[in-house]
C-alpha atoms as a PDB file:
ATOM      1  CA  MET A   1      48.578  99.814 112.922  1.00  0.00           C
ATOM      2  CA  ARG A   2      49.647  96.261 113.737  1.00  0.00           C
ATOM      3  CA  ASN A   3      48.114  96.353 117.243  1.00  0.00           C
ATOM      4  CA  TRP A   4      44.900  97.951 115.934  1.00  0.00           C
ATOM      5  CA  ILE A   5      44.480  95.276 113.242  1.00  0.00           C
ATOM      6  CA  GLU A   6      45.228  92.514 115.764  1.00  0.00           C
ATOM      7  CA  SER A   7      42.690  93.770 118.310  1.00  0.00           C
ATOM      8  CA  THR A   8      39.974  94.758 115.819  1.00  0.00           C
ATOM      9  CA  LEU A   9      40.032  91.695 113.569  1.00  0.00           C
ATOM     10  CA  GLY A  10      40.974  89.208 116.259  1.00  0.00           C
ATOM     11  CA  ILE A  11      43.824  87.658 114.293  1.00  0.00           C
ATOM     12  CA  SER A  12      47.281  86.494 115.283  1.00  0.00           C
ATOM     13  CA  ALA A  13      50.198  88.862 115.648  1.00  0.00           C
ATOM     14  CA  ASP A  14      51.994  87.265 112.688  1.00  0.00           C
ATOM     15  CA  VAL A  15      49.088  87.814 110.306  1.00  0.00           C
ATOM     16  CA  ALA A  16      48.566  91.353 111.630  1.00  0.00           C
ATOM     17  CA  TYR A  17      52.230  92.115 110.958  1.00  0.00           C
ATOM     18  CA  ARG A  18      52.014  90.844 107.390  1.00  0.00           C
ATOM     19  CA  ILE A  19      48.831  92.821 106.680  1.00  0.00           C
ATOM     20  CA  SER A  20      50.435  95.968 108.088  1.00  0.00           C
ATOM     21  CA  ALA A  21      53.558  95.461 105.996  1.00  0.00           C
ATOM     22  CA  THR A  22      51.494  94.877 102.833  1.00  0.00           C
ATOM     23  CA  VAL A  23      49.432  98.035 103.372  1.00  0.00           C
ATOM     24  CA  ALA A  24      52.573 100.056 104.099  1.00  0.00           C
ATOM     25  CA  VAL A  25      54.273  98.845 100.913  1.00  0.00           C
ATOM     26  CA  LEU A  26      51.143  99.648  98.885  1.00  0.00           C
ATOM     27  CA  LEU A  27      50.942 103.191 100.270  1.00  0.00           C
ATOM     28  CA  VAL A  28      54.639 103.826  99.630  1.00  0.00           C
ATOM     29  CA  LEU A  29      54.351 102.632  96.033  1.00  0.00           C
ATOM     30  CA  ILE A  30      51.221 104.735  95.399  1.00  0.00           C
ATOM     31  CA  VAL A  31      52.982 107.851  96.679  1.00  0.00           C
ATOM     32  CA  ALA A  32      56.114 107.016  94.677  1.00  0.00           C
ATOM     33  CA  ARG A  33      54.097 106.607  91.482  1.00  0.00           C
ATOM     34  CA  TRP A  34      52.271 109.902  92.094  1.00  0.00           C
ATOM     35  CA  VAL A  35      55.563 111.740  92.648  1.00  0.00           C
ATOM     36  CA  ALA A  36      57.076 110.150  89.538  1.00  0.00           C
ATOM     37  CA  ALA A  37      54.039 111.099  87.434  1.00  0.00           C
ATOM     38  CA  ARG A  38      54.205 114.719  88.621  1.00  0.00           C
ATOM     39  CA  TRP A  39      57.925 114.879  87.895  1.00  0.00           C
ATOM     40  CA  MET A  40      57.491 113.418  84.396  1.00  0.00           C
ATOM     41  CA  SER A  41      54.650 115.824  83.584  1.00  0.00           C
ATOM     42  CA  LYS A  42      56.951 118.754  84.321  1.00  0.00           C
ATOM     43  CA  ARG A  43      60.035 117.342  82.586  1.00  0.00           C
ATOM     44  CA  LEU A  44      58.441 115.969  79.410  1.00  0.00           C
ATOM     45  CA  SER A  45      56.758 118.253  76.899  1.00  0.00           C
ATOM     46  CA  GLU A  46      55.277 115.741  74.446  1.00  0.00           C
ATOM     47  CA  PRO A  47      51.898 114.267  75.543  1.00  0.00           C
ATOM     48  CA  ASP A  48      52.819 110.953  73.931  1.00  0.00           C
ATOM     49  CA  MET A  49      56.039 110.703  75.961  1.00  0.00           C
ATOM     50  CA  VAL A  50      54.184 111.619  79.170  1.00  0.00           C
ATOM     51  CA  PHE A  51      51.600 108.891  78.493  1.00  0.00           C
ATOM     52  CA  ARG A  52      54.258 106.245  77.861  1.00  0.00           C
ATOM     53  CA  ALA A  53      56.251 107.290  80.936  1.00  0.00           C
ATOM     54  CA  ARG A  54      53.186 107.076  83.169  1.00  0.00           C
ATOM     55  CA  LYS A  55      52.324 103.651  81.812  1.00  0.00           C
ATOM     56  CA  GLY A  56      55.886 102.528  82.490  1.00  0.00           C
ATOM     57  CA  ALA A  57      55.702 103.831  86.054  1.00  0.00           C
ATOM     58  CA  THR A  58      52.438 101.938  86.577  1.00  0.00           C
ATOM     59  CA  TYR A  59      53.997  98.697  85.334  1.00  0.00           C
ATOM     60  CA  VAL A  60      57.049  99.137  87.584  1.00  0.00           C
ATOM     61  CA  THR A  61      55.024  99.868  90.727  1.00  0.00           C
ATOM     62  CA  THR A  62      52.679  96.941  90.026  1.00  0.00           C
ATOM     63  CA  ILE A  63      55.585  94.523  89.634  1.00  0.00           C
ATOM     64  CA  LEU A  64      57.246  95.855  92.793  1.00  0.00           C
ATOM     65  CA  PHE A  65      54.027  95.403  94.764  1.00  0.00           C
ATOM     66  CA  VAL A  66      53.555  91.818  93.568  1.00  0.00           C
ATOM     67  CA  VAL A  67      57.164  90.939  94.414  1.00  0.00           C
ATOM     68  CA  SER A  68      56.938  92.624  97.829  1.00  0.00           C
ATOM     69  CA  ALA A  69      53.628  90.959  98.683  1.00  0.00           C
ATOM     70  CA  ALA A  70      55.029  87.576  97.676  1.00  0.00           C
ATOM     71  CA  TRP A  71      58.106  88.132  99.842  1.00  0.00           C
ATOM     72  CA  ILE A  72      55.885  89.088 102.805  1.00  0.00           C
ATOM     73  CA  TRP A  73      53.284  86.337 102.528  1.00  0.00           C
ATOM     74  CA  LEU A  74      55.028  83.296 101.038  1.00  0.00           C
ATOM     75  CA  PRO A  75      56.630  82.177 104.346  1.00  0.00           C
ATOM     76  CA  PHE A  76      53.158  82.185 105.912  1.00  0.00           C
ATOM     77  CA  PHE A  77      51.912  79.594 103.406  1.00  0.00           C
ATOM     78  CA  ASN A  78      54.819  77.166 103.609  1.00  0.00           C
ATOM     79  CA  ASP A  79      52.689  74.672 105.516  1.00  0.00           C
ATOM     80  CA  LEU A  80      49.872  74.927 102.990  1.00  0.00           C
ATOM     81  CA  GLY A  81      51.834  73.911  99.903  1.00  0.00           C
ATOM     82  CA  THR A  82      49.605  71.008  98.916  1.00  0.00           C
ATOM     83  CA  PHE A  83      46.446  73.050  99.377  1.00  0.00           C
ATOM     84  CA  LEU A  84      47.815  75.912  97.324  1.00  0.00           C
ATOM     85  CA  GLY A  85      48.891  73.499  94.587  1.00  0.00           C
ATOM     86  CA  LEU A  86      45.374  72.131  94.238  1.00  0.00           C
ATOM     87  CA  LEU A  87      43.911  75.617  94.459  1.00  0.00           C
ATOM     88  CA  SER A  88      46.202  76.941  91.742  1.00  0.00           C
ATOM     89  CA  ALA A  89      45.278  74.036  89.440  1.00  0.00           C
ATOM     90  CA  GLY A  90      41.585  74.803  89.888  1.00  0.00           C
ATOM     91  CA  LEU A  91      42.138  78.493  89.290  1.00  0.00           C
ATOM     92  CA  ALA A  92      44.142  77.740  86.141  1.00  0.00           C
ATOM     93  CA  ILE A  93      41.127  75.922  84.685  1.00  0.00           C
ATOM     94  CA  ALA A  94      38.524  78.424  85.863  1.00  0.00           C
ATOM     95  CA  LEU A  95      40.540  81.479  84.827  1.00  0.00           C
ATOM     96  CA  ALA A  96      41.999  80.157  81.575  1.00  0.00           C
ATOM     97  CA  ASP A  97      40.931  83.239  79.602  1.00  0.00           C
ATOM     98  CA  VAL A  98      42.399  85.556  82.232  1.00  0.00           C
ATOM     99  CA  PHE A  99      45.767  83.794  82.072  1.00  0.00           C
ATOM    100  CA  LEU A 100      45.584  83.844  78.270  1.00  0.00           C
ATOM    101  CA  ASP A 101      45.084  87.614  78.381  1.00  0.00           C
ATOM    102  CA  LEU A 102      48.069  87.965  80.717  1.00  0.00           C
ATOM    103  CA  ALA A 103      50.161  85.837  78.358  1.00  0.00           C
ATOM    104  CA  GLY A 104      49.050  88.095  75.515  1.00  0.00           C
ATOM    105  CA  TRP A 105      50.142  91.151  77.500  1.00  0.00           C
ATOM    106  CA  LEU A 106      53.591  89.620  78.074  1.00  0.00           C
ATOM    107  CA  PHE A 107      53.764  88.835  74.352  1.00  0.00           C
ATOM    108  CA  ILE A 108      52.968  92.477  73.529  1.00  0.00           C
ATOM    109  CA  MET A 109      55.527  93.766  76.019  1.00  0.00           C
ATOM    110  CA  PHE A 110      58.429  91.561  74.895  1.00  0.00           C
ATOM    111  CA  ARG A 111      57.765  90.662  71.238  1.00  0.00           C
ATOM    112  CA  ARG A 112      56.251  94.056  70.360  1.00  0.00           C
ATOM    113  CA  PRO A 113      53.846  93.079  67.543  1.00  0.00           C
ATOM    114  CA  PHE A 114      52.511  96.609  67.965  1.00  0.00           C
ATOM    115  CA  LYS A 115      52.788  99.573  70.308  1.00  0.00           C
ATOM    116  CA  VAL A 116      50.682 102.572  71.279  1.00  0.00           C
ATOM    117  CA  GLY A 117      50.214 104.705  68.166  1.00  0.00           C
ATOM    118  CA  ASP A 118      50.366 101.855  65.633  1.00  0.00           C
ATOM    119  CA  ARG A 119      47.496 101.201  63.239  1.00  0.00           C
ATOM    120  CA  ILE A 120      46.472  97.541  63.324  1.00  0.00           C
ATOM    121  CA  GLU A 121      43.686  95.189  62.277  1.00  0.00           C
ATOM    122  CA  ILE A 122      42.634  92.093  64.221  1.00  0.00           C
ATOM    123  CA  ASP A 123      39.585  89.867  63.763  1.00  0.00           C
ATOM    124  CA  GLY A 124      37.996  92.318  61.300  1.00  0.00           C
ATOM    125  CA  THR A 125      38.432  95.370  63.547  1.00  0.00           C
ATOM    126  CA  ALA A 126      40.946  98.044  62.525  1.00  0.00           C
ATOM    127  CA  GLY A 127      42.131 101.185  64.265  1.00  0.00           C
ATOM    128  CA  ASP A 128      44.905 103.036  66.073  1.00  0.00           C
ATOM    129  CA  VAL A 129      46.190 101.547  69.341  1.00  0.00           C
ATOM    130  CA  ILE A 130      45.621 104.089  72.119  1.00  0.00           C
ATOM    131  CA  ASP A 131      46.205 101.994  75.249  1.00  0.00           C
ATOM    132  CA  ILE A 132      47.697  98.656  76.321  1.00  0.00           C
ATOM    133  CA  ARG A 133      46.834  97.053  79.665  1.00  0.00           C
ATOM    134  CA  ALA A 134      47.367  93.718  81.387  1.00  0.00           C
ATOM    135  CA  PHE A 135      44.125  92.158  80.139  1.00  0.00           C
ATOM    136  CA  ARG A 136      43.197  94.149  77.048  1.00  0.00           C
ATOM    137  CA  PHE A 137      44.338  96.761  74.587  1.00  0.00           C
ATOM    138  CA  THR A 138      42.224  99.590  73.193  1.00  0.00           C
ATOM    139  CA  ILE A 139      41.985 100.868  69.637  1.00  0.00           C
ATOM    140  CA  LEU A 140      40.307 103.921  68.119  1.00  0.00           C
ATOM    141  CA  GLU A 141      38.225 102.302  65.388  1.00  0.00           C
ATOM    142  CA  ILE A 142      38.427 103.101  61.674  1.00  0.00           C
ATOM    143  CA  ARG A 143      36.332 101.862  58.701  1.00  0.00           C
ATOM    144  CA  ASN A 144      33.115 100.044  59.663  1.00  0.00           C
ATOM    145  CA  TRP A 145      30.364 102.367  58.313  1.00  0.00           C
ATOM    146  CA  VAL A 146      32.957 105.016  57.339  1.00  0.00           C
ATOM    147  CA  ASP A 147      33.904 104.524  53.690  1.00  0.00           C
ATOM    148  CA  ALA A 148      37.668 104.915  54.174  1.00  0.00           C
ATOM    149  CA  ASP A 149      40.510 104.411  56.643  1.00  0.00           C
ATOM    150  CA  GLN A 150      39.178 107.170  58.880  1.00  0.00           C
ATOM    151  CA  SER A 151      37.979 107.122  62.461  1.00  0.00           C
ATOM    152  CA  THR A 152      34.432 106.209  63.421  1.00  0.00           C
ATOM    153  CA  GLY A 153      34.930 107.805  66.828  1.00  0.00           C
ATOM    154  CA  ARG A 154      34.313 104.527  68.654  1.00  0.00           C
ATOM    155  CA  VAL A 155      36.743 103.033  71.161  1.00  0.00           C
ATOM    156  CA  VAL A 156      37.057  99.238  70.910  1.00  0.00           C
ATOM    157  CA  HIS A 157      38.492  97.099  73.732  1.00  0.00           C
ATOM    158  CA  VAL A 158      40.160  93.882  72.553  1.00  0.00           C
ATOM    159  CA  PRO A 159      41.253  91.071  74.949  1.00  0.00           C
ATOM    160  CA  ASN A 160      44.993  90.423  74.772  1.00  0.00           C
ATOM    161  CA  GLY A 161      44.303  86.715  74.290  1.00  0.00           C
ATOM    162  CA  SER A 162      42.926  87.518  70.816  1.00  0.00           C
ATOM    163  CA  LEU A 163      46.522  87.723  69.600  1.00  0.00           C
ATOM    164  CA  PHE A 164      46.777  83.933  69.880  1.00  0.00           C
ATOM    165  CA  LYS A 165      43.457  83.310  68.097  1.00  0.00           C
ATOM    166  CA  HIS A 166      43.477  85.734  65.159  1.00  0.00           C
ATOM    167  CA  PRO A 167      46.125  87.125  62.779  1.00  0.00           C
ATOM    168  CA  THR A 168      47.204  90.690  63.513  1.00  0.00           C
ATOM    169  CA  ALA A 169      47.982  93.117  60.677  1.00  0.00           C
ATOM    170  CA  ASN A 170      50.168  96.141  61.426  1.00  0.00           C
ATOM    171  CA  PHE A 171      49.865  99.032  58.953  1.00  0.00           C
ATOM    172  CA  THR A 172      52.706 101.145  60.371  1.00  0.00           C
ATOM    173  CA  GLU A 173      55.367  98.701  61.561  1.00  0.00           C
ATOM    174  CA  GLY A 174      58.727  99.087  59.872  1.00  0.00           C
ATOM    175  CA  PHE A 175      58.019 100.421  56.380  1.00  0.00           C
ATOM    176  CA  PHE A 176      55.282 103.005  57.210  1.00  0.00           C
ATOM    177  CA  HIS A 177      53.812 102.750  53.675  1.00  0.00           C
ATOM    178  CA  ILE A 178      51.157 100.529  52.117  1.00  0.00           C
ATOM    179  CA  TRP A 179      50.134  99.772  48.558  1.00  0.00           C
ATOM    180  CA  HIS A 180      46.906 101.354  47.350  1.00  0.00           C
ATOM    181  CA  GLU A 181      44.990 100.616  44.147  1.00  0.00           C
ATOM    182  CA  ILE A 182      42.389 102.828  42.442  1.00  0.00           C
ATOM    183  CA  PRO A 183      40.252 101.267  39.659  1.00  0.00           C
ATOM    184  CA  ILE A 184      39.111 103.477  36.751  1.00  0.00           C
ATOM    185  CA  LEU A 185      36.627 102.060  34.224  1.00  0.00           C
ATOM    186  CA  VAL A 186      36.342 103.720  30.778  1.00  0.00           C
ATOM    187  CA  THR A 187      34.099 102.774  27.860  1.00  0.00           C
ATOM    188  CA  PHE A 188      35.257 100.462  25.083  1.00  0.00           C
ATOM    189  CA  GLU A 189      34.882 103.378  22.653  1.00  0.00           C
ATOM    190  CA  SER A 190      37.328 105.510  24.667  1.00  0.00           C
ATOM    191  CA  ASP A 191      40.988 105.962  23.786  1.00  0.00           C
ATOM    192  CA  TRP A 192      42.279 103.862  26.672  1.00  0.00           C
ATOM    193  CA  ARG A 193      45.912 104.717  25.938  1.00  0.00           C
ATOM    194  CA  ARG A 194      45.100 108.400  26.314  1.00  0.00           C
ATOM    195  CA  ALA A 195      43.217 107.564  29.515  1.00  0.00           C
ATOM    196  CA  GLU A 196      46.289 105.723  30.816  1.00  0.00           C
ATOM    197  CA  ALA A 197      48.461 108.771  30.123  1.00  0.00           C
ATOM    198  CA  LEU A 198      46.039 111.043  31.993  1.00  0.00           C
ATOM    199  CA  ILE A 199      46.013 108.629  34.940  1.00  0.00           C
ATOM    200  CA  ARG A 200      49.806 108.659  35.100  1.00  0.00           C
ATOM    201  CA  ASP A 201      49.742 112.466  35.045  1.00  0.00           C
ATOM    202  CA  ALA A 202      47.287 112.464  37.969  1.00  0.00           C
ATOM    203  CA  ILE A 203      49.417 110.011  39.963  1.00  0.00           C
ATOM    204  CA  GLY A 204      52.663 111.927  39.457  1.00  0.00           C
ATOM    205  CA  PRO A 205      52.206 114.697  42.076  1.00  0.00           C
ATOM    206  CA  LEU A 206      50.964 112.146  44.642  1.00  0.00           C
ATOM    207  CA  THR A 207      53.903 109.779  44.317  1.00  0.00           C
ATOM    208  CA  ILE A 208      56.501 109.563  47.091  1.00  0.00           C
ATOM    209  CA  SER A 209      60.035 109.837  45.712  1.00  0.00           C
ATOM    210  CA  GLU A 210      61.746 106.503  45.123  1.00  0.00           C
ATOM    211  CA  GLU A 211      64.845 107.671  47.031  1.00  0.00           C
ATOM    212  CA  GLU A 212      62.758 108.266  50.157  1.00  0.00           C
ATOM    213  CA  LEU A 213      61.002 104.914  49.779  1.00  0.00           C
ATOM    214  CA  ARG A 214      64.331 103.100  49.403  1.00  0.00           C
ATOM    215  CA  ARG A 215      65.613 104.817  52.536  1.00  0.00           C
ATOM    216  CA  HIS A 216      62.547 103.732  54.526  1.00  0.00           C
ATOM    217  CA  GLN A 217      62.939 100.211  53.164  1.00  0.00           C
ATOM    218  CA  ARG A 218      66.572 100.032  54.327  1.00  0.00           C
ATOM    219  CA  ILE A 219      65.633 101.325  57.787  1.00  0.00           C
ATOM    220  CA  ALA A 220      62.808  98.780  58.074  1.00  0.00           C
ATOM    221  CA  SER A 221      65.096  95.906  57.076  1.00  0.00           C
ATOM    222  CA  SER A 222      67.895  96.942  59.455  1.00  0.00           C
ATOM    223  CA  THR A 223      65.797  97.638  62.554  1.00  0.00           C
ATOM    224  CA  ARG A 224      63.327  94.748  62.389  1.00  0.00           C
ATOM    225  CA  ASP A 225      63.471  90.984  62.089  1.00  0.00           C
ATOM    226  CA  TYR A 226      61.856  91.041  58.653  1.00  0.00           C
ATOM    227  CA  LEU A 227      63.362  91.343  55.191  1.00  0.00           C
ATOM    228  CA  ILE A 228      61.106  93.958  53.591  1.00  0.00           C
ATOM    229  CA  SER A 229      62.023  94.328  49.942  1.00  0.00           C
ATOM    230  CA  PHE A 230      60.016  95.555  46.956  1.00  0.00           C
ATOM    231  CA  LYS A 231      61.688  95.432  43.562  1.00  0.00           C
ATOM    232  CA  GLU A 232      59.391  98.100  42.140  1.00  0.00           C
ATOM    233  CA  LEU A 233      58.482 101.063  44.326  1.00  0.00           C
ATOM    234  CA  GLY A 234      57.191 103.408  41.637  1.00  0.00           C
ATOM    235  CA  PRO A 235      53.557 103.832  40.546  1.00  0.00           C
ATOM    236  CA  ALA A 236      52.035 101.632  37.849  1.00  0.00           C
ATOM    237  CA  VAL A 237      48.872 101.423  35.744  1.00  0.00           C
ATOM    238  CA  TYR A 238      47.500  97.980  34.845  1.00  0.00           C
ATOM    239  CA  VAL A 239      45.011  97.321  32.026  1.00  0.00           C
ATOM    240  CA  SER A 240      42.238  94.713  31.902  1.00  0.00           C
ATOM    241  CA  THR A 241      38.665  94.479  30.646  1.00  0.00           C
ATOM    242  CA  ARG A 242      35.272  94.154  32.272  1.00  0.00           C
ATOM    243  CA  GLU A 243      31.758  93.732  30.919  1.00  0.00           C
ATOM    244  CA  SER A 244      31.167  97.494  30.857  1.00  0.00           C
ATOM    245  CA  GLY A 245      34.522  98.695  29.535  1.00  0.00           C
ATOM    246  CA  VAL A 246      38.291  98.843  29.893  1.00  0.00           C
ATOM    247  CA  LEU A 247      39.552  98.760  33.481  1.00  0.00           C
ATOM    248  CA  LEU A 248      42.711 100.728  34.267  1.00  0.00           C
ATOM    249  CA  THR A 249      44.025 100.186  37.804  1.00  0.00           C
ATOM    250  CA  ALA A 250      46.401 102.742  39.310  1.00  0.00           C
ATOM    251  CA  ARG A 251      48.760 101.265  41.924  1.00  0.00           C
ATOM    252  CA  LEU A 252      51.031 103.362  44.142  1.00  0.00           C
ATOM    253  CA  LEU A 253      52.607 103.469  47.604  1.00  0.00           C
ATOM    254  CA  VAL A 254      50.993 105.839  50.101  1.00  0.00           C
ATOM    255  CA  GLU A 255      51.505 106.623  53.765  1.00  0.00           C
ATOM    256  CA  ALA A 256      49.663 104.200  56.021  1.00  0.00           C
ATOM    257  CA  ARG A 257      47.170 106.860  57.137  1.00  0.00           C
ATOM    258  CA  GLY A 258      46.976 108.738  53.835  1.00  0.00           C
ATOM    259  CA  ARG A 259      44.845 106.551  51.574  1.00  0.00           C
ATOM    260  CA  ARG A 260      41.718 108.698  51.525  1.00  0.00           C
ATOM    261  CA  GLY A 261      43.580 111.967  51.045  1.00  0.00           C
ATOM    262  CA  VAL A 262      45.548 110.526  48.130  1.00  0.00           C
ATOM    263  CA  GLU A 263      42.440 109.087  46.485  1.00  0.00           C
ATOM    264  CA  ASP A 264      40.550 112.369  46.887  1.00  0.00           C
ATOM    265  CA  ALA A 265      43.360 114.391  45.269  1.00  0.00           C
ATOM    266  CA  PHE A 266      43.731 111.796  42.502  1.00  0.00           C
ATOM    267  CA  TRP A 267      40.071 111.826  41.507  1.00  0.00           C
ATOM    268  CA  ARG A 268      39.810 115.617  41.568  1.00  0.00           C
ATOM    269  CA  SER A 269      42.736 115.869  39.170  1.00  0.00           C
ATOM    270  CA  LEU A 270      41.581 113.012  36.936  1.00  0.00           C
ATOM    271  CA  LEU A 271      37.973 114.208  36.607  1.00  0.00           C
ATOM    272  CA  ASP A 272      39.197 117.637  35.502  1.00  0.00           C
ATOM    273  CA  ALA A 273      41.483 115.972  32.944  1.00  0.00           C
ATOM    274  CA  PHE A 274      38.716 113.701  31.606  1.00  0.00           C
ATOM    275  CA  ALA A 275      36.352 116.681  31.291  1.00  0.00           C
ATOM    276  CA  ASP A 276      38.800 118.320  28.856  1.00  0.00           C
ATOM    277  CA  GLU A 277      39.423 115.117  26.885  1.00  0.00           C
ATOM    278  CA  PRO A 278      36.635 114.252  24.378  1.00  0.00           C
ATOM    279  CA  THR A 279      38.117 110.844  23.516  1.00  0.00           C
ATOM    280  CA  VAL A 280      37.767 109.437  27.035  1.00  0.00           C
ATOM    281  CA  GLU A 281      34.540 108.679  28.891  1.00  0.00           C
ATOM    282  CA  LEU A 282      33.973 106.940  32.201  1.00  0.00           C
ATOM    283  CA  ALA A 283      31.941 103.752  31.892  1.00  0.00           C
ATOM    284  CA  TYR A 284      28.887 102.764  33.890  1.00  0.00           C
ATOM    285  CA  PRO A 285      26.461  99.810  33.701  1.00  0.00           C
ATOM    286  CA  THR A 286      24.395 100.028  30.505  1.00  0.00           C
ATOM    287  CA  GLY A 287      22.115  97.780  28.473  1.00  0.00           C
ATOM    288  CA  ARG A 288      22.025  97.328  24.692  1.00  0.00           C
ATOM    289  CA  THR A 289      19.154  95.951  22.595  1.00  0.00           C
ATOM    290  CA  ILE A 290      20.123  94.434  19.230  1.00  0.00           C
ATOM    291  CA  ILE A 291      17.281  93.872  16.720  1.00  0.00           C
ATOM    292  CA  THR A 292      18.011  90.950  14.397  1.00  0.00           C
ATOM    293  CA  ASP A 293      14.603  90.688  12.582  1.00  0.00           C
ATOM    294  CA  PRO A 294      13.455  93.970  10.954  1.00  0.00           C
ATOM    295  CA  LEU A 295      10.077  92.374  10.075  1.00  0.00           C
ATOM    296  CA  THR A 296       9.214  92.385  13.758  1.00  0.00           C
ATOM    297  CA  VAL A 297       9.493  96.177  13.768  1.00  0.00           C
ATOM    298  CA  ASP A 298       7.478  96.732  10.568  1.00  0.00           C
ATOM    299  CA  HIS A 299       4.832  94.179  11.536  1.00  0.00           C
ATOM    300  CA  PRO A 300       4.593  94.180  15.323  1.00  0.00           C
ATOM    301  CA  HIS A 301       2.002  91.373  15.308  1.00  0.00           C
ATOM    302  CA  ARG A 302       4.345  89.065  13.486  1.00  0.00           C
ATOM    303  CA  GLY A 303       6.874  87.285  15.621  1.00  0.00           C
ATOM    304  CA  PRO A 304      10.428  86.394  14.596  1.00  0.00           C
ATOM    305  CA  GLU A 305      10.822  83.413  12.350  1.00  0.00           C
ATOM    306  CA  THR A 306      12.100  80.270  13.957  1.00  0.00           C
ATOM    307  CA  THR A 307      13.878  77.309  12.501  1.00  0.00           C
ATOM    308  CA  GLU A 308      12.646  73.934  13.587  1.00  0.00           C
ATOM    309  CA  ALA A 309      15.382  71.612  14.695  1.00  0.00           C
ATOM    310  CA  ARG A 310      15.749  68.432  12.745  1.00  0.00           C
END
């Protein structure tokens, strides 16, 4: 190969040798990765484990190729140090976003703000992480036009550099549960205490046991760098008022991906309970007209009396 490259391209023997060595290393690494991927596909049964193993093999072979190519070519450029220094400075300015994405990838690999399978939100886009690469990560989008934390079916590619520009929220890191609130508005004429009792009855079957929540909280605190601690883990109902009625807000912990299922089950149970309870009615926007001058009704052509200010 070396002689063919030298004669065909008309380059020196030293350069031909280095090109041949680089191509040989690349071919060996490609074959090694293919063999490793085949072996892992046969040994591992879980698709998620196979995916992670293949990604790991890709990272390893890429790093080995970069190191090998540097070892092969660096001696050739010893006499061009000044030129390469100026060139690298220019590239650093021109490719600032590319280097920022690479820095973001290193941050993901070593600091682990999220991993494949986590549900995150960044810069207003939320979804499940399905792939992480050197310049971008990919999420399967939720929300948007879908009225819940469920998938839209779209795949969104996010540059890794976004991690340094926008806050990142992780729904599933550590504790695996999130707080969810469901507002219920009843009329002022309703028995709101009875409504509160019915809401608590509807929440009961959907509540995760406090023992299990405490166990998850201890695991999250012991395995991560964060002190995750909630004094109250049980469900609660809070009471306030609005223009149209009494607002009762149910608050409970749910699994990170279970908000819509919990809310659906809650409302089905609560609507059945309200249907059997004559003292409770759901409120909705209404208007009331209060007549203060009965003469206006009896004599429609006569307007209400006014009092002149003095």
